[in-house]
Amino acid sequence: MNGSFANCPEWLAELIVNSGGSVSFHQYMDWALNHSEYGSYSSGSLKLGTKGDFVTSPSLGPDFAALLARQVVDWLEQLQQENFNNLPLSLIEIGPGEGDLAFDLIQELEQISPEITKRLELILVDINQGMIKRQKERLSNICKVPIRWLSLDELAENPVIGVILAHEMLDALPVERIILRNNMLFRLGVKLEAINSHSLLSFDELPISSSLLDSLLELENEVGIKIPPDGASDGWSSELHIDMNQWLDKVSKTLIYGSLLIIDYALEATRYYNNSRQSGTMMSYKNQYASSDLLKDPGFCDLTSHLCLETLLYYAQKNKWLLLGHTRQGLALLALGLAERLNSLQKLSSEQLDIALSRRESLLRLVDPAGLGEFRWLAFEVNNQEDYIKSNIGLKTRFLTEPDN
């Protein structure tokens, strides 16, 4: 964890002063990303893609969505078989970025399953107006599928039947950070300091709250995760994903029945809360550069942390989600036909050589074990029908099968 000072913009300085001069890291991260006017997502200052601040799988081109669409169609067709009241089907994306994945998915679904597409609506869930503006621009030419922008609370008031996608979304939920100091745990904070008439940010160590202690005890008693781990040295720090429980609860209430696919970086607890991992997994991203300086340029950088796999699975089960299975992205995409897609590039003409090489590079990046291929795909289902004879739908999940040849 970088402990240096960082310049504090006026808007953030005012917020911290009004909060007593020091706030939790959770609050700082929320403001830096989601402040309605100055947050990096809300303002639209972040750019996705190879020429932006960071790369996502959908930003590499439409091939990712084309492969994922096979799974989405499979689930939607299975859900339609249970749809005795003939209700519409919904494809819901939470945190849809610039709308690239949603756009490419709808295009692909129209090709491979026009009958399902006729029954489909697209629902996008985002809290940041800067991103919503880009999504509306990106999706302006979609005319065959109705599109709605809703909050999770609004969606929970009128739940739907469908598939929920959360692609690289949970890693940007604000987290608490804790630090071990003199054999005691403290809550990491961010404070404002005035040095030579300049407003500067630095880290602070705050008393740990009772709610954080309760969360730590729950994870130790229910999941067997000890934080801090045995042998952790002075200054050891890491993240706690305290918003995940509430998020999974809210999301479960948005469906009458259906599936949830989470795609994100995740580590097993033994790798995450390890005494050799001194500073957790939190990183700052800007202009394709990853930094451990978490206080630099708030409102212009992405702040992200890995998920703890066991914590996610525990909170999912606690909130009625049934795990269908999980795997790494490389294996998931192979099961959905990536090898076949790679082979099809050989059929392109010599005049299309540049296109073929570019697509090949993008496809290989999607499964690179040192990068995007290490993403975890976690599939869940939920059934909130009180009078249903079964407690689950029993969805079959294509990306958990053997790869297509």
Protein backbone atom coordinates (compact mmCIF):
# COMPACT_ATOMS: atom_id res chain seq x y z
CA MET A 1 0.00 0.00 0.00
CA ASN A 2 1.44 3.29 -1.09
CA GLY A 3 1.55 5.61 1.93
CA SER A 4 2.54 8.86 0.24
CA PHE A 5 0.51 12.06 0.12
CA ALA A 6 -1.64 12.89 -2.89
CA ASN A 7 -3.18 16.14 -4.09
CA CYS A 8 -6.83 16.48 -3.12
CA PRO A 9 -9.29 18.17 -5.51
CA GLU A 10 -11.48 20.90 -4.06
CA TRP A 11 -14.74 18.95 -4.39
CA LEU A 12 -13.34 16.03 -2.40
CA ALA A 13 -11.66 18.27 0.19
CA GLU A 14 -15.01 19.91 0.91
CA LEU A 15 -16.70 16.53 1.39
CA ILE A 16 -14.01 15.30 3.77
CA VAL A 17 -13.99 18.54 5.77
CA ASN A 18 -17.77 18.33 6.14
CA SER A 19 -17.33 14.74 7.38
CA GLY A 20 -14.92 15.77 10.15
CA GLY A 21 -11.60 15.64 8.28
CA SER A 22 -11.36 11.87 7.91
CA VAL A 23 -13.55 9.21 6.25
CA SER A 24 -13.41 5.46 5.77
CA PHE A 25 -11.72 4.09 2.65
CA HIS A 26 -15.16 2.71 1.70
CA GLN A 27 -16.58 6.24 1.62
CA TYR A 28 -13.55 7.60 -0.24
CA MET A 29 -13.82 4.89 -2.90
CA ASP A 30 -17.54 5.50 -3.33
CA TRP A 31 -16.99 9.23 -3.85
CA ALA A 32 -14.01 8.72 -6.17
CA LEU A 33 -16.00 6.39 -8.44
CA ASN A 34 -19.63 7.36 -8.03
CA HIS A 35 -19.94 10.99 -6.91
CA SER A 36 -22.79 12.34 -9.02
CA GLU A 37 -20.70 15.12 -10.57
CA TYR A 38 -17.03 14.30 -10.09
CA GLY A 39 -16.80 10.51 -9.73
CA SER A 40 -14.82 8.76 -12.44
CA TYR A 41 -17.82 6.69 -13.54
CA SER A 42 -20.49 9.35 -13.04
CA SER A 43 -18.60 12.07 -14.89
CA GLY A 44 -17.70 9.75 -17.73
CA SER A 45 -14.00 10.49 -17.38
CA LEU A 46 -13.07 6.80 -17.62
CA LYS A 47 -12.71 5.29 -21.09
CA LEU A 48 -12.84 1.58 -21.83
CA GLY A 49 -10.94 -0.29 -24.51
CA THR A 50 -7.43 -0.61 -25.90
CA LYS A 51 -7.18 3.17 -26.28
CA GLY A 52 -8.88 3.92 -22.97
CA ASP A 53 -7.99 3.53 -19.31
CA PHE A 54 -8.41 -0.25 -19.13
CA VAL A 55 -9.46 -3.18 -21.30
CA THR A 56 -12.49 -5.38 -20.74
CA SER A 57 -13.40 -8.54 -22.64
CA PRO A 58 -16.28 -6.90 -24.58
CA SER A 59 -14.10 -3.92 -25.52
CA LEU A 60 -11.82 -6.23 -27.55
CA GLY A 61 -14.56 -6.82 -30.12
CA PRO A 62 -17.83 -8.70 -30.67
CA ASP A 63 -16.40 -12.23 -30.42
CA PHE A 64 -16.73 -12.31 -26.62
CA ALA A 65 -20.45 -11.50 -26.81
CA ALA A 66 -20.93 -13.98 -29.65
CA LEU A 67 -19.61 -16.79 -27.46
CA LEU A 68 -21.45 -15.64 -24.35
CA ALA A 69 -24.68 -15.41 -26.35
CA ARG A 70 -24.72 -19.20 -26.70
CA GLN A 71 -25.03 -19.50 -22.94
CA VAL A 72 -27.58 -16.69 -22.67
CA VAL A 73 -29.81 -18.31 -25.32
CA ASP A 74 -29.57 -21.71 -23.64
CA TRP A 75 -30.71 -20.24 -20.34
CA LEU A 76 -33.49 -18.16 -21.89
CA GLU A 77 -34.84 -21.17 -23.77
CA GLN A 78 -34.87 -23.21 -20.57
CA LEU A 79 -36.58 -20.40 -18.67
CA GLN A 80 -39.21 -20.11 -21.41
CA GLN A 81 -40.08 -23.78 -20.87
CA GLU A 82 -41.04 -22.87 -17.30
CA ASN A 83 -42.85 -19.69 -18.38
CA PHE A 84 -46.40 -21.00 -18.04
CA ASN A 85 -47.88 -17.50 -17.72
CA ASN A 86 -46.20 -16.43 -20.96
CA LEU A 87 -44.49 -13.42 -19.40
CA PRO A 88 -41.75 -11.50 -21.24
CA LEU A 89 -38.15 -12.62 -20.85
CA SER A 90 -35.53 -10.15 -19.66
CA LEU A 91 -31.81 -9.84 -20.23
CA ILE A 92 -30.46 -7.68 -17.40
CA GLU A 93 -26.96 -6.26 -17.28
CA ILE A 94 -25.80 -4.63 -14.05
CA GLY A 95 -23.01 -2.13 -14.51
CA PRO A 96 -23.03 -2.24 -18.34
CA GLY A 97 -20.09 0.10 -18.87
CA GLU A 98 -20.34 1.81 -22.23
CA GLY A 99 -22.96 -0.64 -23.53
CA ASP A 100 -20.65 -2.68 -25.76
CA LEU A 101 -21.60 -6.07 -24.30
CA ALA A 102 -25.33 -5.35 -24.39
CA PHE A 103 -25.13 -4.10 -27.99
CA ASP A 104 -23.14 -7.09 -29.25
CA LEU A 105 -25.31 -9.58 -27.35
CA ILE A 106 -28.54 -8.27 -28.84
CA GLN A 107 -27.03 -8.37 -32.33
CA GLU A 108 -25.96 -11.97 -31.82
CA LEU A 109 -29.22 -13.09 -30.19
CA GLU A 110 -31.17 -11.77 -33.18
CA GLN A 111 -29.07 -14.03 -35.40
CA ILE A 112 -29.07 -17.27 -33.43
CA SER A 113 -32.53 -17.18 -31.82
CA PRO A 114 -34.99 -14.75 -33.41
CA GLU A 115 -37.92 -16.40 -31.61
CA ILE A 116 -36.40 -15.81 -28.17
CA THR A 117 -35.39 -12.29 -29.19
CA LYS A 118 -39.01 -11.47 -30.04
CA ARG A 119 -39.91 -12.23 -26.41
CA LEU A 120 -36.95 -10.33 -24.98
CA GLU A 121 -36.45 -6.98 -23.29
CA LEU A 122 -33.10 -5.49 -22.27
CA ILE A 123 -32.82 -3.94 -18.82
CA LEU A 124 -29.70 -1.97 -17.88
CA VAL A 125 -28.89 -1.15 -14.26
CA ASP A 126 -26.43 1.67 -13.60
CA ILE A 127 -26.17 4.40 -10.97
CA ASN A 128 -23.89 6.70 -12.96
CA GLN A 129 -25.35 9.21 -15.41
CA GLY A 130 -22.09 9.58 -17.34
CA MET A 131 -22.12 5.90 -18.24
CA ILE A 132 -25.89 5.84 -18.88
CA LYS A 133 -25.43 8.61 -21.46
CA ARG A 134 -22.82 6.54 -23.31
CA GLN A 135 -25.00 3.43 -23.13
CA LYS A 136 -27.94 5.27 -24.69
CA GLU A 137 -25.71 6.51 -27.50
CA ARG A 138 -24.28 3.04 -28.08
CA LEU A 139 -27.68 1.34 -28.12
CA SER A 140 -29.56 4.02 -30.07
CA ASN A 141 -29.82 1.79 -33.16
CA ILE A 142 -31.34 -1.18 -31.30
CA CYS A 143 -34.98 -1.19 -32.39
CA LYS A 144 -36.19 -4.81 -32.22
CA VAL A 145 -35.68 -5.20 -28.46
CA PRO A 146 -37.21 -2.73 -25.97
CA ILE A 147 -34.68 -1.22 -23.53
CA ARG A 148 -35.26 0.07 -20.01
CA TRP A 149 -32.88 1.70 -17.53
CA LEU A 150 -33.83 0.84 -13.94
CA SER A 151 -32.30 0.76 -10.47
CA LEU A 152 -32.18 -2.51 -8.54
CA ASP A 153 -34.84 -1.16 -6.18
CA GLU A 154 -37.13 -0.29 -9.08
CA LEU A 155 -36.61 -3.70 -10.63
CA ALA A 156 -37.28 -5.48 -7.33
CA GLU A 157 -40.69 -3.76 -7.15
CA ASN A 158 -41.70 -5.57 -10.36
CA PRO A 159 -39.45 -8.64 -10.69
CA VAL A 160 -38.98 -10.40 -14.02
CA ILE A 161 -38.01 -13.74 -15.53
CA GLY A 162 -34.59 -13.76 -17.10
CA VAL A 163 -30.82 -13.75 -17.10
CA ILE A 164 -28.70 -11.29 -15.12
CA LEU A 165 -25.14 -10.46 -16.15
CA ALA A 166 -22.66 -8.79 -13.80
CA HIS A 167 -19.50 -8.47 -15.85
CA GLU A 168 -16.58 -6.74 -14.09
CA MET A 169 -19.04 -4.97 -11.83
CA LEU A 170 -18.54 -6.37 -8.33
CA ASP A 171 -14.84 -5.52 -8.37
CA ALA A 172 -15.81 -1.83 -8.32
CA LEU A 173 -18.17 -2.05 -5.34
CA PRO A 174 -16.72 0.09 -2.53
CA VAL A 175 -14.83 -1.99 0.02
CA GLU A 176 -13.66 -1.51 3.56
CA ARG A 177 -9.93 -1.83 4.10
CA ILE A 178 -8.44 -3.05 7.33
CA ILE A 179 -4.89 -2.88 8.61
CA LEU A 180 -3.01 -4.75 11.34
CA ARG A 181 -1.09 -2.48 13.67
CA ASN A 182 0.55 -3.59 16.93
CA ASN A 183 -1.49 -6.83 16.88
CA MET A 184 -4.74 -4.86 16.60
CA LEU A 185 -7.03 -4.37 13.62
CA PHE A 186 -7.91 -0.89 12.47
CA ARG A 187 -10.23 0.45 9.80
CA LEU A 188 -8.27 2.15 7.07
CA GLY A 189 -9.40 5.71 6.44
CA VAL A 190 -8.50 8.67 4.27
CA LYS A 191 -7.83 12.06 5.82
CA LEU A 192 -7.24 15.58 4.63
CA GLU A 193 -4.08 17.46 5.58
CA ALA A 194 -3.04 21.02 4.82
CA ILE A 195 0.66 21.35 3.97
CA ASN A 196 2.07 24.60 2.59
CA SER A 197 -1.44 25.78 1.76
CA HIS A 198 -2.11 22.63 -0.26
CA SER A 199 -4.89 20.14 0.50
CA LEU A 200 -3.39 16.66 0.55
CA LEU A 201 -4.81 13.17 1.04
CA SER A 202 -3.18 10.55 3.21
CA PHE A 203 -4.21 7.32 4.86
CA ASP A 204 -5.60 7.25 8.36
CA GLU A 205 -6.10 4.42 10.85
CA LEU A 206 -9.53 4.51 12.48
CA PRO A 207 -11.07 2.39 15.24
CA ILE A 208 -12.70 -0.68 13.77
CA SER A 209 -16.48 -0.52 13.89
CA SER A 210 -18.73 -3.07 15.55
CA SER A 211 -20.33 -3.91 12.19
CA LEU A 212 -16.91 -4.72 10.71
CA LEU A 213 -16.07 -6.90 13.70
CA ASP A 214 -19.38 -8.72 13.24
CA SER A 215 -18.55 -9.33 9.57
CA LEU A 216 -15.12 -10.69 10.46
CA LEU A 217 -16.60 -13.02 13.08
CA GLU A 218 -19.27 -14.21 10.66
CA LEU A 219 -16.69 -15.08 8.01
CA GLU A 220 -14.54 -16.92 10.53
CA ASN A 221 -17.43 -18.87 12.10
CA GLU A 222 -19.43 -19.62 8.96
CA VAL A 223 -16.76 -19.85 6.25
CA GLY A 224 -13.57 -20.54 8.20
CA ILE A 225 -11.78 -17.43 6.94
CA LYS A 226 -9.49 -15.97 9.59
CA ILE A 227 -8.70 -12.27 9.11
CA PRO A 228 -5.92 -11.39 9.65
CA PRO A 229 -4.34 -14.77 8.88
CA ASP A 230 -1.88 -16.40 11.24
CA GLY A 231 1.61 -15.01 10.79
CA ALA A 232 0.51 -11.65 9.37
CA SER A 233 3.12 -8.99 10.07
CA ASP A 234 2.62 -5.44 11.30
CA GLY A 235 1.11 -3.29 8.54
CA TRP A 236 -0.67 -6.20 6.83
CA SER A 237 -3.82 -4.91 5.13
CA SER A 238 -6.61 -6.19 2.92
CA GLU A 239 -10.18 -5.62 1.75
CA LEU A 240 -13.56 -6.63 3.10
CA HIS A 241 -16.41 -6.76 0.56
CA ILE A 242 -19.08 -5.62 2.98
CA ASP A 243 -21.56 -4.51 0.29
CA MET A 244 -21.66 -7.90 -1.41
CA ASN A 245 -24.20 -9.41 0.98
CA GLN A 246 -26.71 -6.60 0.46
CA TRP A 247 -26.07 -6.55 -3.30
CA LEU A 248 -26.83 -10.27 -3.67
CA ASP A 249 -29.95 -9.84 -1.56
CA LYS A 250 -31.21 -7.00 -3.76
CA VAL A 251 -30.40 -8.82 -6.99
CA SER A 252 -32.18 -11.99 -5.86
CA LYS A 253 -35.38 -9.98 -5.42
CA THR A 254 -35.33 -8.71 -9.02
CA LEU A 255 -36.17 -12.14 -10.44
CA ILE A 256 -39.32 -14.23 -10.27
CA TYR A 257 -36.93 -16.91 -11.37
CA GLY A 258 -33.81 -16.96 -13.49
CA SER A 259 -30.05 -17.03 -13.54
CA LEU A 260 -27.14 -14.80 -12.55
CA LEU A 261 -23.72 -14.88 -14.19
CA ILE A 262 -20.89 -13.09 -12.39
CA ILE A 263 -17.67 -12.62 -14.37
CA ASP A 264 -14.82 -11.09 -12.41
CA TYR A 265 -11.39 -11.56 -10.91
CA ALA A 266 -11.60 -13.75 -7.80
CA LEU A 267 -9.14 -15.50 -5.53
CA GLU A 268 -9.57 -18.33 -3.07
CA ALA A 269 -9.46 -17.17 0.55
CA THR A 270 -6.15 -18.96 1.14
CA ARG A 271 -4.57 -16.83 -1.58
CA TYR A 272 -6.49 -13.66 -0.75
CA TYR A 273 -6.08 -13.45 3.03
CA ASN A 274 -2.55 -14.76 3.07
CA ASN A 275 0.21 -13.46 5.31
CA SER A 276 2.44 -13.02 2.25
CA ARG A 277 -0.13 -10.78 0.49
CA GLN A 278 0.70 -7.67 2.48
CA SER A 279 -1.56 -5.11 0.83
CA GLY A 280 -4.60 -6.93 -0.49
CA THR A 281 -5.54 -6.73 -4.17
CA MET A 282 -6.77 -3.15 -4.59
CA MET A 283 -5.34 -1.30 -7.59
CA SER A 284 -5.88 1.97 -9.45
CA TYR A 285 -6.10 2.04 -13.26
CA LYS A 286 -5.63 4.93 -15.66
CA ASN A 287 -4.36 5.04 -19.24
CA GLN A 288 -3.69 1.28 -19.27
CA TYR A 289 -1.44 1.64 -16.23
CA ALA A 290 -1.99 -0.18 -12.94
CA SER A 291 -0.84 1.53 -9.77
CA SER A 292 -0.89 0.81 -6.04
CA ASP A 293 -1.24 4.54 -5.35
CA LEU A 294 -4.92 4.51 -4.42
CA LEU A 295 -5.15 8.20 -3.53
CA LYS A 296 -3.81 9.64 -6.77
CA ASP A 297 -6.20 11.51 -9.08
CA PRO A 298 -9.53 10.65 -7.41
CA GLY A 299 -12.31 11.01 -9.92
CA PHE A 300 -10.06 10.14 -12.87
CA CYS A 301 -9.00 6.56 -12.08
CA ASP A 302 -10.70 3.22 -11.71
CA LEU A 303 -10.36 1.60 -8.29
CA THR A 304 -10.83 -2.14 -8.25
CA SER A 305 -10.19 -5.18 -6.09
CA HIS A 306 -10.41 -8.92 -6.61
CA LEU A 307 -13.30 -10.82 -5.07
CA CYS A 308 -12.84 -13.49 -2.41
CA LEU A 309 -14.34 -16.64 -3.90
CA GLU A 310 -15.53 -18.22 -0.65
CA THR A 311 -17.00 -14.95 0.61
CA LEU A 312 -18.97 -14.53 -2.62
CA LEU A 313 -20.27 -18.12 -2.52
CA TYR A 314 -21.26 -17.77 1.14
CA TYR A 315 -23.21 -14.54 0.65
CA ALA A 316 -24.85 -15.96 -2.48
CA GLN A 317 -26.12 -19.02 -0.62
CA LYS A 318 -27.24 -16.82 2.27
CA ASN A 319 -29.43 -14.86 -0.17
CA LYS A 320 -31.19 -17.81 -1.83
CA TRP A 321 -28.87 -18.20 -4.82
CA LEU A 322 -28.22 -21.81 -5.85
CA LEU A 323 -24.73 -22.31 -7.28
CA LEU A 324 -24.75 -23.98 -10.69
CA GLY A 325 -20.96 -24.01 -10.88
CA HIS A 326 -17.91 -21.91 -11.60
CA THR A 327 -14.81 -22.03 -13.77
CA ARG A 328 -12.17 -19.79 -15.30
CA GLN A 329 -12.92 -17.72 -18.39
CA GLY A 330 -10.49 -19.62 -20.58
CA LEU A 331 -12.32 -22.91 -19.97
CA ALA A 332 -15.74 -21.28 -20.21
CA LEU A 333 -15.06 -19.77 -23.63
CA LEU A 334 -13.57 -23.01 -24.93
CA ALA A 335 -16.76 -24.79 -23.86
CA LEU A 336 -18.78 -22.18 -25.76
CA GLY A 337 -16.87 -22.73 -29.01
CA LEU A 338 -13.80 -20.51 -28.96
CA ALA A 339 -11.63 -23.09 -30.78
CA GLU A 340 -14.19 -23.32 -33.56
CA ARG A 341 -14.23 -19.54 -33.81
CA LEU A 342 -10.46 -19.41 -34.05
CA ASN A 343 -10.46 -22.04 -36.81
CA SER A 344 -13.08 -20.10 -38.77
CA LEU A 345 -10.60 -17.24 -39.20
CA GLN A 346 -8.66 -19.42 -41.64
CA LYS A 347 -11.56 -19.13 -44.08
CA LEU A 348 -11.13 -15.37 -44.42
CA SER A 349 -9.61 -14.22 -47.70
CA SER A 350 -6.09 -12.89 -48.00
CA GLU A 351 -7.54 -9.39 -48.35
CA GLN A 352 -8.96 -9.84 -44.83
CA LEU A 353 -5.65 -10.92 -43.31
CA ASP A 354 -5.40 -7.86 -41.07
CA ILE A 355 -8.91 -8.49 -39.72
CA ALA A 356 -8.13 -12.16 -39.11
CA LEU A 357 -4.91 -11.40 -37.22
CA SER A 358 -6.61 -8.73 -35.11
CA ARG A 359 -9.50 -11.02 -34.18
CA ARG A 360 -7.10 -13.88 -33.45
CA GLU A 361 -5.11 -11.67 -31.10
CA SER A 362 -8.30 -10.56 -29.32
CA LEU A 363 -9.59 -14.11 -28.96
CA LEU A 364 -6.29 -15.27 -27.51
CA ARG A 365 -6.27 -12.35 -25.07
CA LEU A 366 -9.67 -13.52 -23.79
CA VAL A 367 -8.16 -16.82 -22.64
CA ASP A 368 -4.67 -15.66 -21.67
CA PRO A 369 -4.10 -17.24 -18.21
CA ALA A 370 -1.96 -14.25 -17.24
CA GLY A 371 -4.81 -11.83 -17.97
CA LEU A 372 -8.48 -12.04 -18.92
CA GLY A 373 -8.45 -15.83 -19.07
CA GLU A 374 -8.07 -15.90 -15.29
CA PHE A 375 -11.48 -14.29 -14.76
CA ARG A 376 -13.93 -16.49 -12.85
CA TRP A 377 -17.36 -17.28 -14.28
CA LEU A 378 -19.85 -18.07 -11.51
CA ALA A 379 -23.37 -19.18 -12.40
CA PHE A 380 -26.34 -19.14 -10.01
CA GLU A 381 -30.09 -19.56 -10.23
CA VAL A 382 -32.94 -18.39 -8.00
CA ASN A 383 -36.62 -19.29 -7.81
CA ASN A 384 -38.89 -16.93 -5.90
CA GLN A 385 -42.18 -18.59 -6.85
CA GLU A 386 -43.81 -19.47 -3.55
CA ASP A 387 -46.23 -21.99 -5.02
CA TYR A 388 -43.68 -23.70 -7.26
CA ILE A 389 -43.34 -27.43 -6.59
CA LYS A 390 -39.53 -27.35 -6.76
CA SER A 391 -37.07 -25.17 -4.87
CA ASN A 392 -34.99 -24.63 -8.03
CA ILE A 393 -35.34 -24.57 -11.78
CA GLY A 394 -32.42 -26.91 -12.46
CA LEU A 395 -30.84 -24.89 -15.26
CA LYS A 396 -28.21 -26.65 -17.34
CA THR A 397 -25.11 -24.56 -17.90
CA ARG A 398 -23.30 -24.95 -21.19
CA PHE A 399 -20.02 -23.28 -20.21
CA LEU A 400 -19.49 -25.88 -17.49
CA THR A 401 -19.48 -28.75 -20.00
CA GLU A 402 -16.58 -30.14 -22.02
CA PRO A 403 -15.25 -27.75 -24.70
CA ASP A 404 -16.80 -27.83 -28.17
CA ASN A 405 -14.52 -29.33 -30.79
